[in-house]
Amino acid sequence: MSELIVDFNQLEKKRERNKKERLWFIDWYTNWLENTPNEVWSKHHTNFINSGFIIANQWAEWKKNGSVIKTVNK
């Protein structure tokens, strides 16, 4: 079994970068919502919600057919 070495400084840098990216996205999306007509926003939101249903249905079909990749913990 190999030894696990964790660089906490690197993890902290990644955490900070991820936080900045999330905050940037929130600012960008808020700006987009404020400046986008409701009709356009509604179409985007509908597509987003429907894509979730499509993925869920595909996943269920893959699982039913045994196409889902199974992982084994060693």
Protein backbone atom coordinates (compact mmCIF):
# COMPACT_ATOMS: atom_id res chain seq x y z
CA MET A 1 0.00 0.00 0.00
CA SER A 2 1.39 3.41 -0.95
CA GLU A 3 1.71 6.30 1.44
CA LEU A 4 -0.69 9.19 0.97
CA ILE A 5 0.99 12.59 1.03
CA VAL A 6 -1.25 15.62 1.36
CA ASP A 7 -0.03 19.12 0.53
CA PHE A 8 -2.29 21.31 2.68
CA ASN A 9 -0.93 24.50 1.13
CA GLN A 10 -1.94 23.26 -2.32
CA LEU A 11 -5.39 22.27 -1.02
CA GLU A 12 -5.85 25.73 0.49
CA LYS A 13 -4.89 27.38 -2.82
CA LYS A 14 -7.41 25.21 -4.68
CA ARG A 15 -10.09 25.98 -2.11
CA GLU A 16 -9.50 29.72 -2.49
CA ARG A 17 -9.47 29.50 -6.30
CA ASN A 18 -12.73 27.53 -6.26
CA LYS A 19 -14.29 30.06 -3.91
CA LYS A 20 -13.29 32.95 -6.22
CA GLU A 21 -14.71 31.09 -9.23
CA ARG A 22 -18.02 30.46 -7.45
CA LEU A 23 -18.29 34.11 -6.38
CA TRP A 24 -17.45 35.27 -9.92
CA PHE A 25 -20.16 33.00 -11.32
CA ILE A 26 -22.74 34.27 -8.81
CA ASP A 27 -21.94 37.88 -9.79
CA TRP A 28 -22.04 37.04 -13.50
CA TYR A 29 -25.32 35.12 -13.24
CA THR A 30 -26.96 37.80 -11.09
CA ASN A 31 -25.99 40.41 -13.66
CA TRP A 32 -27.34 38.22 -16.47
CA LEU A 33 -30.65 37.72 -14.63
CA GLU A 34 -31.05 41.44 -13.97
CA ASN A 35 -30.43 42.30 -17.63
CA THR A 36 -32.30 39.48 -19.36
CA PRO A 37 -35.98 39.67 -20.29
CA ASN A 38 -38.21 37.20 -18.43
CA GLU A 39 -39.15 35.40 -21.65
CA VAL A 40 -35.50 34.65 -22.45
CA TRP A 41 -34.68 33.71 -18.86
CA SER A 42 -37.69 31.41 -18.72
CA LYS A 43 -36.65 29.53 -21.88
CA HIS A 44 -33.13 29.02 -20.50
CA HIS A 45 -34.50 27.84 -17.16
CA THR A 46 -36.92 25.42 -18.87
CA ASN A 47 -34.07 23.94 -20.92
CA PHE A 48 -31.96 23.55 -17.79
CA ILE A 49 -34.73 21.79 -15.83
CA ASN A 50 -35.62 19.55 -18.77
CA SER A 51 -31.98 18.54 -19.24
CA GLY A 52 -31.98 17.25 -15.65
CA PHE A 53 -34.99 15.07 -16.41
CA ILE A 54 -33.35 13.77 -19.58
CA ILE A 55 -30.17 12.81 -17.71
CA ALA A 56 -32.18 11.14 -14.93
CA ASN A 57 -34.14 9.09 -17.47
CA GLN A 58 -30.95 8.12 -19.33
CA TRP A 59 -29.30 7.08 -16.07
CA ALA A 60 -32.28 4.93 -15.13
CA GLU A 61 -32.21 3.29 -18.57
CA TRP A 62 -28.46 2.66 -18.38
CA LYS A 63 -28.82 1.18 -14.93
CA LYS A 64 -31.71 -1.04 -16.05
CA ASN A 65 -29.69 -2.30 -19.03
CA GLY A 66 -26.52 -2.84 -16.99
CA SER A 67 -24.62 -0.18 -18.95
CA VAL A 68 -23.58 1.74 -15.84
CA ILE A 69 -19.90 1.32 -15.02
CA LYS A 70 -19.57 -0.40 -11.68
CA THR A 71 -16.70 0.49 -9.38
CA VAL A 72 -15.18 -1.83 -6.84
CA ASN A 73 -13.49 -0.59 -3.68
CA LYS A 74 -10.31 -2.46 -2.97
